[in-house]
C-alpha atoms as a PDB file:
ATOM      1  CA  MET A   1     -46.378-105.881  14.593  1.00  0.00           C
ATOM      2  CA  LYS A   2     -49.066-104.239  12.463  1.00  0.00           C
ATOM      3  CA  PHE A   3     -49.568-105.678   8.997  1.00  0.00           C
ATOM      4  CA  ALA A   4     -48.981-102.284   7.301  1.00  0.00           C
ATOM      5  CA  SER A   5     -45.589-101.958   9.174  1.00  0.00           C
ATOM      6  CA  LEU A   6     -44.724-105.591   8.140  1.00  0.00           C
ATOM      7  CA  LEU A   7     -45.262-104.690   4.458  1.00  0.00           C
ATOM      8  CA  ALA A   8     -42.925-101.782   4.805  1.00  0.00           C
ATOM      9  CA  LEU A   9     -40.033-103.927   5.866  1.00  0.00           C
ATOM     10  CA  PRO A  10     -37.420-105.338   3.517  1.00  0.00           C
ATOM     11  CA  LEU A  11     -38.312-108.965   2.715  1.00  0.00           C
ATOM     12  CA  ALA A  12     -35.395-110.274   4.785  1.00  0.00           C
ATOM     13  CA  GLY A  13     -36.734-108.180   7.740  1.00  0.00           C
ATOM     14  CA  VAL A  14     -40.167-109.767   7.241  1.00  0.00           C
ATOM     15  CA  LEU A  15     -38.779-113.219   7.378  1.00  0.00           C
ATOM     16  CA  ALA A  16     -36.796-112.393  10.556  1.00  0.00           C
ATOM     17  CA  ALA A  17     -39.892-110.944  12.231  1.00  0.00           C
ATOM     18  CA  CYS A  18     -41.775-114.242  11.433  1.00  0.00           C
ATOM     19  CA  SER A  19     -39.308-116.499  13.249  1.00  0.00           C
ATOM     20  CA  THR A  20     -40.976-117.807  16.508  1.00  0.00           C
ATOM     21  CA  SER A  21     -39.656-118.500  19.912  1.00  0.00           C
ATOM     22  CA  PRO A  22     -39.321-122.008  21.267  1.00  0.00           C
ATOM     23  CA  GLN A  23     -42.659-123.287  22.811  1.00  0.00           C
ATOM     24  CA  LEU A  24     -42.671-125.240  25.941  1.00  0.00           C
ATOM     25  CA  GLY A  25     -44.907-128.234  25.313  1.00  0.00           C
ATOM     26  CA  GLY A  26     -46.362-126.578  22.267  1.00  0.00           C
ATOM     27  CA  ALA A  27     -47.373-123.455  24.130  1.00  0.00           C
ATOM     28  CA  SER A  28     -45.676-120.069  23.769  1.00  0.00           C
ATOM     29  CA  GLY A  29     -42.518-119.766  25.883  1.00  0.00           C
ATOM     30  CA  MET A  30     -38.830-119.041  26.087  1.00  0.00           C
ATOM     31  CA  THR A  31     -35.645-120.941  27.066  1.00  0.00           C
ATOM     32  CA  ALA A  32     -33.635-120.954  30.215  1.00  0.00           C
ATOM     33  CA  THR A  33     -32.531-117.328  31.008  1.00  0.00           C
ATOM     34  CA  GLY A  34     -30.810-115.366  33.741  1.00  0.00           C
ATOM     35  CA  ALA A  35     -28.902-116.544  36.628  1.00  0.00           C
ATOM     36  CA  ALA A  36     -29.108-118.208  40.137  1.00  0.00           C
ATOM     37  CA  GLY A  37     -27.394-117.425  43.342  1.00  0.00           C
ATOM     38  CA  GLY A  38     -28.183-119.620  46.376  1.00  0.00           C
ATOM     39  CA  ALA A  39     -31.963-119.493  46.833  1.00  0.00           C
ATOM     40  CA  SER A  40     -32.218-116.293  44.696  1.00  0.00           C
ATOM     41  CA  SER A  41     -32.557-116.054  40.925  1.00  0.00           C
ATOM     42  CA  ALA A  42     -32.258-113.154  38.435  1.00  0.00           C
ATOM     43  CA  ASN A  43     -34.224-112.889  35.098  1.00  0.00           C
ATOM     44  CA  ALA A  44     -35.522-116.401  35.308  1.00  0.00           C
ATOM     45  CA  ASN A  45     -37.884-117.774  32.743  1.00  0.00           C
ATOM     46  CA  SER A  46     -41.305-116.608  33.967  1.00  0.00           C
ATOM     47  CA  GLU A  47     -42.750-120.116  33.036  1.00  0.00           C
ATOM     48  CA  LEU A  48     -40.198-121.916  35.204  1.00  0.00           C
ATOM     49  CA  GLU A  49     -41.856-123.625  38.104  1.00  0.00           C
ATOM     50  CA  ASN A  50     -40.372-122.835  41.642  1.00  0.00           C
ATOM     51  CA  CYS A  51     -40.618-123.923  45.126  1.00  0.00           C
ATOM     52  CA  THR A  52     -40.751-122.059  48.447  1.00  0.00           C
ATOM     53  CA  GLU A  53     -38.767-124.899  50.153  1.00  0.00           C
ATOM     54  CA  SER A  54     -36.066-127.144  48.691  1.00  0.00           C
ATOM     55  CA  MET A  55     -36.829-130.906  48.648  1.00  0.00           C
ATOM     56  CA  GLY A  56     -33.253-132.100  49.216  1.00  0.00           C
ATOM     57  CA  THR A  57     -29.806-132.100  47.547  1.00  0.00           C
ATOM     58  CA  LEU A  58     -29.345-133.239  44.014  1.00  0.00           C
ATOM     59  CA  ALA A  59     -26.546-134.216  41.474  1.00  0.00           C
ATOM     60  CA  VAL A  60     -27.151-134.061  37.768  1.00  0.00           C
ATOM     61  CA  VAL A  61     -25.357-137.024  35.872  1.00  0.00           C
ATOM     62  CA  GLU A  62     -25.456-137.436  32.127  1.00  0.00           C
ATOM     63  CA  ASN A  63     -25.000-140.816  30.784  1.00  0.00           C
ATOM     64  CA  THR A  64     -22.527-140.260  28.047  1.00  0.00           C
ATOM     65  CA  SER A  65     -22.530-144.036  27.163  1.00  0.00           C
ATOM     66  CA  ALA A  66     -26.166-144.041  26.319  1.00  0.00           C
ATOM     67  CA  PRO A  67     -27.157-144.239  22.579  1.00  0.00           C
ATOM     68  CA  TRP A  68     -29.010-140.910  22.625  1.00  0.00           C
ATOM     69  CA  TRP A  69     -25.774-139.157  23.690  1.00  0.00           C
ATOM     70  CA  GLY A  70     -23.715-140.440  20.707  1.00  0.00           C
ATOM     71  CA  ASP A  71     -26.466-139.387  18.329  1.00  0.00           C
ATOM     72  CA  TYR A  72     -26.870-135.975  19.990  1.00  0.00           C
ATOM     73  CA  ILE A  73     -23.162-135.083  20.140  1.00  0.00           C
ATOM     74  CA  HIS A  74     -22.653-136.257  16.518  1.00  0.00           C
ATOM     75  CA  ARG A  75     -25.567-133.969  15.159  1.00  0.00           C
ATOM     76  CA  TYR A  76     -24.793-131.070  17.485  1.00  0.00           C
ATOM     77  CA  PRO A  77     -21.161-131.136  18.451  1.00  0.00           C
ATOM     78  CA  LYS A  78     -21.196-127.404  19.409  1.00  0.00           C
ATOM     79  CA  LEU A  79     -23.859-127.742  21.945  1.00  0.00           C
ATOM     80  CA  GLY A  80     -21.974-129.930  24.391  1.00  0.00           C
ATOM     81  CA  SER A  81     -23.243-131.289  27.774  1.00  0.00           C
ATOM     82  CA  THR A  82     -26.786-130.564  28.918  1.00  0.00           C
ATOM     83  CA  VAL A  83     -25.781-130.553  32.532  1.00  0.00           C
ATOM     84  CA  PRO A  84     -24.873-126.813  33.090  1.00  0.00           C
ATOM     85  CA  VAL A  85     -28.178-125.450  31.893  1.00  0.00           C
ATOM     86  CA  LEU A  86     -30.030-128.133  33.804  1.00  0.00           C
ATOM     87  CA  ARG A  87     -28.220-127.120  36.988  1.00  0.00           C
ATOM     88  CA  MET A  88     -29.030-123.488  36.452  1.00  0.00           C
ATOM     89  CA  ILE A  89     -32.744-124.267  35.802  1.00  0.00           C
ATOM     90  CA  ILE A  90     -32.826-126.370  39.035  1.00  0.00           C
ATOM     91  CA  GLN A  91     -31.148-123.747  41.193  1.00  0.00           C
ATOM     92  CA  GLN A  92     -33.375-121.098  39.919  1.00  0.00           C
ATOM     93  CA  SER A  93     -36.419-123.124  40.832  1.00  0.00           C
ATOM     94  CA  ASN A  94     -35.209-123.548  44.442  1.00  0.00           C
ATOM     95  CA  CYS A  95     -36.768-126.969  44.482  1.00  0.00           C
ATOM     96  CA  PHE A  96     -33.347-128.766  45.077  1.00  0.00           C
ATOM     97  CA  VAL A  97     -29.909-127.732  46.173  1.00  0.00           C
ATOM     98  CA  VAL A  98     -27.463-128.676  43.561  1.00  0.00           C
ATOM     99  CA  VAL A  99     -24.204-130.479  44.435  1.00  0.00           C
ATOM    100  CA  GLU A 100     -21.184-130.900  42.150  1.00  0.00           C
ATOM    101  CA  ARG A 101     -20.427-134.400  40.924  1.00  0.00           C
ATOM    102  CA  GLY A 102     -18.725-133.453  37.642  1.00  0.00           C
ATOM    103  CA  GLU A 103     -15.291-132.272  36.649  1.00  0.00           C
ATOM    104  CA  ALA A 104     -15.262-129.544  39.185  1.00  0.00           C
ATOM    105  CA  LEU A 105     -15.387-132.106  41.961  1.00  0.00           C
ATOM    106  CA  ASN A 106     -11.865-133.146  40.908  1.00  0.00           C
ATOM    107  CA  ASN A 107     -10.717-129.529  41.548  1.00  0.00           C
ATOM    108  CA  ALA A 108     -12.318-129.505  44.877  1.00  0.00           C
ATOM    109  CA  MET A 109     -10.443-132.823  45.773  1.00  0.00           C
ATOM    110  CA  GLN A 110      -7.238-131.254  44.553  1.00  0.00           C
ATOM    111  CA  GLU A 111      -7.596-128.344  46.919  1.00  0.00           C
ATOM    112  CA  ARG A 112      -8.191-130.884  49.663  1.00  0.00           C
ATOM    113  CA  ALA A 113      -5.080-132.780  48.572  1.00  0.00           C
ATOM    114  CA  LEU A 114      -2.983-129.572  48.876  1.00  0.00           C
ATOM    115  CA  TYR A 115      -4.404-128.837  52.288  1.00  0.00           C
ATOM    116  CA  ASP A 116      -3.606-132.464  53.527  1.00  0.00           C
ATOM    117  CA  ALA A 117      -0.056-131.996  52.050  1.00  0.00           C
ATOM    118  CA  GLY A 118       0.342-128.801  54.125  1.00  0.00           C
ATOM    119  CA  GLU A 119       0.617-126.560  51.126  1.00  0.00           C
ATOM    120  CA  THR A 120      -2.248-124.171  51.871  1.00  0.00           C
ATOM    121  CA  ARG A 121      -2.149-121.375  54.392  1.00  0.00           C
ATOM    122  CA  ASP A 122      -3.279-121.668  57.958  1.00  0.00           C
ATOM    123  CA  GLY A 123      -7.058-121.046  58.398  1.00  0.00           C
ATOM    124  CA  SER A 124      -7.826-122.449  54.959  1.00  0.00           C
ATOM    125  CA  ASN A 125     -10.592-124.439  56.742  1.00  0.00           C
ATOM    126  CA  PHE A 126     -10.607-127.714  54.768  1.00  0.00           C
ATOM    127  CA  GLY A 127     -11.339-130.772  56.752  1.00  0.00           C
ATOM    128  CA  LYS A 128     -13.298-133.984  56.878  1.00  0.00           C
ATOM    129  CA  GLY A 129     -17.136-134.010  57.125  1.00  0.00           C
ATOM    130  CA  GLN A 130     -17.623-130.811  55.171  1.00  0.00           C
ATOM    131  CA  MET A 131     -18.955-132.033  51.785  1.00  0.00           C
ATOM    132  CA  VAL A 132     -22.641-132.364  51.308  1.00  0.00           C
ATOM    133  CA  ALA A 133     -24.213-135.702  50.246  1.00  0.00           C
ATOM    134  CA  ALA A 134     -26.483-135.885  47.265  1.00  0.00           C
ATOM    135  CA  ASP A 135     -29.957-137.030  48.282  1.00  0.00           C
ATOM    136  CA  TYR A 136     -30.983-137.597  44.656  1.00  0.00           C
ATOM    137  CA  THR A 137     -29.491-137.983  41.206  1.00  0.00           C
ATOM    138  CA  MET A 138     -31.179-136.527  38.092  1.00  0.00           C
ATOM    139  CA  ASN A 139     -30.605-138.240  34.894  1.00  0.00           C
ATOM    140  CA  PRO A 140     -31.443-136.358  31.596  1.00  0.00           C
ATOM    141  CA  SER A 141     -31.792-137.751  28.184  1.00  0.00           C
ATOM    142  CA  ILE A 142     -32.984-136.508  24.693  1.00  0.00           C
ATOM    143  CA  GLN A 143     -35.465-138.783  22.834  1.00  0.00           C
ATOM    144  CA  PHE A 144     -35.315-136.824  19.641  1.00  0.00           C
ATOM    145  CA  SER A 145     -34.448-133.498  18.090  1.00  0.00           C
ATOM    146  CA  ALA A 146     -35.379-133.110  14.603  1.00  0.00           C
ATOM    147  CA  GLU A 147     -36.037-130.559  11.857  1.00  0.00           C
ATOM    148  CA  GLY A 148     -38.902-130.751   9.316  1.00  0.00           C
ATOM    149  CA  THR A 149     -40.152-128.600   6.433  1.00  0.00           C
ATOM    150  CA  SER A 150     -43.752-127.356   6.223  1.00  0.00           C
ATOM    151  CA  GLY A 151     -45.193-126.910   2.743  1.00  0.00           C
ATOM    152  CA  ILE A 152     -47.353-123.839   3.232  1.00  0.00           C
ATOM    153  CA  SER A 153     -46.396-122.013   0.097  1.00  0.00           C
ATOM    154  CA  GLY A 154     -49.958-121.480  -1.090  1.00  0.00           C
ATOM    155  CA  ALA A 155     -51.061-120.275   2.260  1.00  0.00           C
ATOM    156  CA  VAL A 156     -48.174-117.734   2.456  1.00  0.00           C
ATOM    157  CA  GLY A 157     -49.003-116.653  -1.160  1.00  0.00           C
ATOM    158  CA  ASN A 158     -52.639-115.907  -0.217  1.00  0.00           C
ATOM    159  CA  VAL A 159     -51.616-113.802   2.810  1.00  0.00           C
ATOM    160  CA  PHE A 160     -49.026-111.644   1.122  1.00  0.00           C
ATOM    161  CA  GLY A 161     -50.802-111.189  -2.274  1.00  0.00           C
ATOM    162  CA  GLY A 162     -48.358-109.713  -4.822  1.00  0.00           C
ATOM    163  CA  TRP A 163     -45.403-111.253  -2.944  1.00  0.00           C
ATOM    164  CA  GLY A 164     -47.026-114.533  -2.992  1.00  0.00           C
ATOM    165  CA  SER A 165     -44.865-116.136  -5.719  1.00  0.00           C
ATOM    166  CA  THR A 166     -41.569-114.977  -4.013  1.00  0.00           C
ATOM    167  CA  ILE A 167     -42.465-115.623  -0.412  1.00  0.00           C
ATOM    168  CA  GLY A 168     -44.416-118.772  -1.324  1.00  0.00           C
ATOM    169  CA  ALA A 169     -41.230-120.156  -2.708  1.00  0.00           C
ATOM    170  CA  LEU A 170     -39.252-119.206   0.300  1.00  0.00           C
ATOM    171  CA  ALA A 171     -41.766-120.942   2.546  1.00  0.00           C
ATOM    172  CA  GLY A 172     -40.149-124.231   1.363  1.00  0.00           C
ATOM    173  CA  GLY A 173     -37.480-123.229   3.846  1.00  0.00           C
ATOM    174  CA  LEU A 174     -39.821-122.873   6.826  1.00  0.00           C
ATOM    175  CA  SER A 175     -38.388-125.302   9.303  1.00  0.00           C
ATOM    176  CA  THR A 176     -40.380-126.790  12.369  1.00  0.00           C
ATOM    177  CA  ASN A 177     -37.725-127.722  14.910  1.00  0.00           C
ATOM    178  CA  GLU A 178     -38.809-130.115  17.610  1.00  0.00           C
ATOM    179  CA  ALA A 179     -37.264-131.749  20.718  1.00  0.00           C
ATOM    180  CA  ALA A 180     -38.511-134.259  23.315  1.00  0.00           C
ATOM    181  CA  THR A 181     -36.584-134.931  26.477  1.00  0.00           C
ATOM    182  CA  THR A 182     -36.841-137.093  29.775  1.00  0.00           C
ATOM    183  CA  LEU A 183     -35.696-136.545  33.295  1.00  0.00           C
ATOM    184  CA  LEU A 184     -35.329-139.300  35.779  1.00  0.00           C
ATOM    185  CA  LEU A 185     -34.990-138.699  39.533  1.00  0.00           C
ATOM    186  CA  ILE A 186     -33.368-141.307  41.571  1.00  0.00           C
ATOM    187  CA  ASP A 187     -33.156-141.718  45.419  1.00  0.00           C
ATOM    188  CA  ASN A 188     -29.441-142.325  46.103  1.00  0.00           C
ATOM    189  CA  ARG A 189     -29.954-144.215  49.457  1.00  0.00           C
ATOM    190  CA  SER A 190     -32.446-146.716  48.175  1.00  0.00           C
ATOM    191  CA  SER A 191     -31.827-146.527  44.325  1.00  0.00           C
ATOM    192  CA  VAL A 192     -35.699-146.078  43.926  1.00  0.00           C
ATOM    193  CA  GLN A 193     -36.809-143.991  41.088  1.00  0.00           C
ATOM    194  CA  ILE A 194     -38.711-141.244  42.674  1.00  0.00           C
ATOM    195  CA  SER A 195     -39.990-139.325  39.615  1.00  0.00           C
ATOM    196  CA  SER A 196     -39.944-139.286  35.748  1.00  0.00           C
ATOM    197  CA  ALA A 197     -41.028-136.616  33.431  1.00  0.00           C
ATOM    198  CA  VAL A 198     -41.119-136.150  29.566  1.00  0.00           C
ATOM    199  CA  GLY A 199     -41.274-132.673  28.043  1.00  0.00           C
ATOM    200  CA  SER A 200     -41.248-131.240  24.533  1.00  0.00           C
ATOM    201  CA  ALA A 201     -40.598-128.032  22.623  1.00  0.00           C
ATOM    202  CA  LYS A 202     -40.815-126.701  19.129  1.00  0.00           C
ATOM    203  CA  ASN A 203     -40.168-123.552  17.076  1.00  0.00           C
ATOM    204  CA  MET A 204     -40.333-122.343  13.576  1.00  0.00           C
ATOM    205  CA  ASP A 205     -37.546-120.707  11.677  1.00  0.00           C
ATOM    206  CA  PHE A 206     -37.260-119.360   8.112  1.00  0.00           C
ATOM    207  CA  SER A 207     -34.293-120.463   6.023  1.00  0.00           C
ATOM    208  CA  LEU A 208     -32.975-118.356   3.044  1.00  0.00           C
ATOM    209  CA  ALA A 209     -30.309-120.961   2.104  1.00  0.00           C
ATOM    210  CA  GLY A 210     -30.352-121.914  -1.627  1.00  0.00           C
ATOM    211  CA  TRP A 211     -32.077-118.643  -2.793  1.00  0.00           C
ATOM    212  CA  GLY A 212     -28.846-116.756  -3.694  1.00  0.00           C
ATOM    213  CA  TRP A 213     -29.390-114.216  -0.799  1.00  0.00           C
ATOM    214  CA  GLY A 214     -26.094-114.842   0.841  1.00  0.00           C
ATOM    215  CA  SER A 215     -24.856-111.317  -0.115  1.00  0.00           C
ATOM    216  CA  GLY A 216     -26.234-108.093  -1.407  1.00  0.00           C
ATOM    217  CA  LYS A 217     -28.056-105.216   0.304  1.00  0.00           C
ATOM    218  CA  TRP A 218     -29.467-107.462   3.030  1.00  0.00           C
ATOM    219  CA  GLY A 219     -25.903-108.808   3.841  1.00  0.00           C
ATOM    220  CA  SER A 220     -25.330-112.365   4.981  1.00  0.00           C
ATOM    221  CA  ALA A 221     -28.338-114.567   5.405  1.00  0.00           C
ATOM    222  CA  ALA A 222     -26.501-116.683   8.055  1.00  0.00           C
ATOM    223  CA  GLY A 223     -28.542-115.097  10.853  1.00  0.00           C
ATOM    224  CA  PHE A 224     -31.716-116.414   9.348  1.00  0.00           C
ATOM    225  CA  THR A 225     -30.561-119.833   8.252  1.00  0.00           C
ATOM    226  CA  ASP A 226     -29.126-120.894  11.668  1.00  0.00           C
ATOM    227  CA  THR A 227     -31.506-123.295  13.397  1.00  0.00           C
ATOM    228  CA  PRO A 228     -31.552-122.801  17.167  1.00  0.00           C
ATOM    229  CA  GLU A 229     -31.402-126.424  18.191  1.00  0.00           C
ATOM    230  CA  GLY A 230     -29.848-125.507  21.484  1.00  0.00           C
ATOM    231  CA  LYS A 231     -32.769-123.249  22.562  1.00  0.00           C
ATOM    232  CA  VAL A 232     -35.292-125.856  21.531  1.00  0.00           C
ATOM    233  CA  ILE A 233     -33.579-128.685  23.503  1.00  0.00           C
ATOM    234  CA  THR A 234     -33.238-126.347  26.532  1.00  0.00           C
ATOM    235  CA  ALA A 235     -36.931-125.401  26.285  1.00  0.00           C
ATOM    236  CA  SER A 236     -37.755-128.956  26.176  1.00  0.00           C
ATOM    237  CA  PHE A 237     -35.791-129.705  29.376  1.00  0.00           C
ATOM    238  CA  VAL A 238     -37.543-126.687  31.053  1.00  0.00           C
ATOM    239  CA  ASP A 239     -40.942-128.361  30.130  1.00  0.00           C
ATOM    240  CA  SER A 240     -39.716-131.739  31.478  1.00  0.00           C
ATOM    241  CA  TYR A 241     -38.622-130.138  34.684  1.00  0.00           C
ATOM    242  CA  ASN A 242     -41.816-128.213  35.082  1.00  0.00           C
ATOM    243  CA  GLN A 243     -43.829-131.490  34.740  1.00  0.00           C
ATOM    244  CA  MET A 244     -41.713-133.092  37.303  1.00  0.00           C
ATOM    245  CA  VAL A 245     -42.020-130.304  39.846  1.00  0.00           C
ATOM    246  CA  LYS A 246     -45.730-130.363  39.482  1.00  0.00           C
ATOM    247  CA  ALA A 247     -45.829-134.097  40.162  1.00  0.00           C
ATOM    248  CA  LEU A 248     -43.486-133.865  43.107  1.00  0.00           C
ATOM    249  CA  ARG A 249     -45.769-131.200  44.873  1.00  0.00           C
ATOM    250  CA  ASN A 250     -48.207-133.991  45.361  1.00  0.00           C
ATOM    251  CA  TYR A 251     -45.622-136.742  45.988  1.00  0.00           C
ATOM    252  CA  ARG A 252     -46.676-139.828  47.849  1.00  0.00           C
ATOM    253  CA  ALA A 253     -44.176-142.829  48.260  1.00  0.00           C
ATOM    254  CA  GLN A 254     -45.116-146.037  46.511  1.00  0.00           C
ATOM    255  CA  GLU A 255     -45.760-148.923  48.757  1.00  0.00           C
ATOM    256  CA  VAL A 256     -45.466-152.615  48.415  1.00  0.00           C
ATOM    257  CA  LYS A 257     -46.946-155.208  50.939  1.00  0.00           C
ATOM    258  CA  GLY A 258     -44.210-156.643  53.066  1.00  0.00           C
ATOM    259  CA  GLY A 259     -41.699-153.820  52.231  1.00  0.00           C
ATOM    260  CA  LEU A 260     -39.711-152.723  49.256  1.00  0.00           C
ATOM    261  CA  GLY A 261     -37.185-155.269  47.841  1.00  0.00           C
ATOM    262  CA  LYS A 262     -38.593-158.119  49.998  1.00  0.00           C
ATOM    263  CA  GLY A 263     -40.106-160.370  47.192  1.00  0.00           C
ATOM    264  CA  GLY A 264     -42.986-158.285  45.952  1.00  0.00           C
ATOM    265  CA  THR A 265     -46.531-159.477  45.422  1.00  0.00           C
ATOM    266  CA  LEU A 266     -45.931-161.130  41.974  1.00  0.00           C
ATOM    267  CA  GLY A 267     -44.657-164.321  43.348  1.00  0.00           C
ATOM    268  CA  VAL A 268     -44.048-167.490  41.271  1.00  0.00           C
ATOM    269  CA  SER A 269     -44.809-171.154  42.151  1.00  0.00           C
ATOM    270  CA  ASN A 270     -42.329-173.294  44.166  1.00  0.00           C
END
């Protein structure tokens, strides 16, 4: 947007134009978008890493008894589970085939129970040995998700000249939203941790709260004061996943002399 055009906007419009998108790992980027269908995806984030071949089947399991979950759900009760968006990201990447191990598995088992009870039609094609095993389990967690305030009133005043006193005061409501997330990848057969990755994201958002602009010719300021925590957390998970995929492309199994789980090399005296 040209500066001359920016000056022509109503002040609320200027602030809206200055709100930034979440940044993967501090770089410019968007959150998870689009859809997935089998090995195909539609409108996926262009920054999402992808694979030409899948590396195995995977279940995503969220540890709701962990301390981070309690803090997360208390602070952001409307966001809910991180699993659905993670599963979409993973399928879009085509790096793993996602299997259901959540609530929907109960429904699948219910259908099987109806079949076993003879309640379904002939040819329903339910039977033993059809379900796919999960080679790996992915365990997500959120290290922190926080809001801060940047004191840049003077800088804003210098940029906008005559509007400096007004916009400089409003700059007190400029929030920097940050999130950091971790993904762990576990081999289900051996219980060995295959990979771990940490990602981060941040964005900036103007707040008009407290300045008496809740109504008037600009209308409600709610659209500007809402902090997009969900988008930032999602962007952080995209960053975590990208880091993991990059590492897995060069995967080499760890080795221990004598074999895994057979005593190790750090022995103790008898």
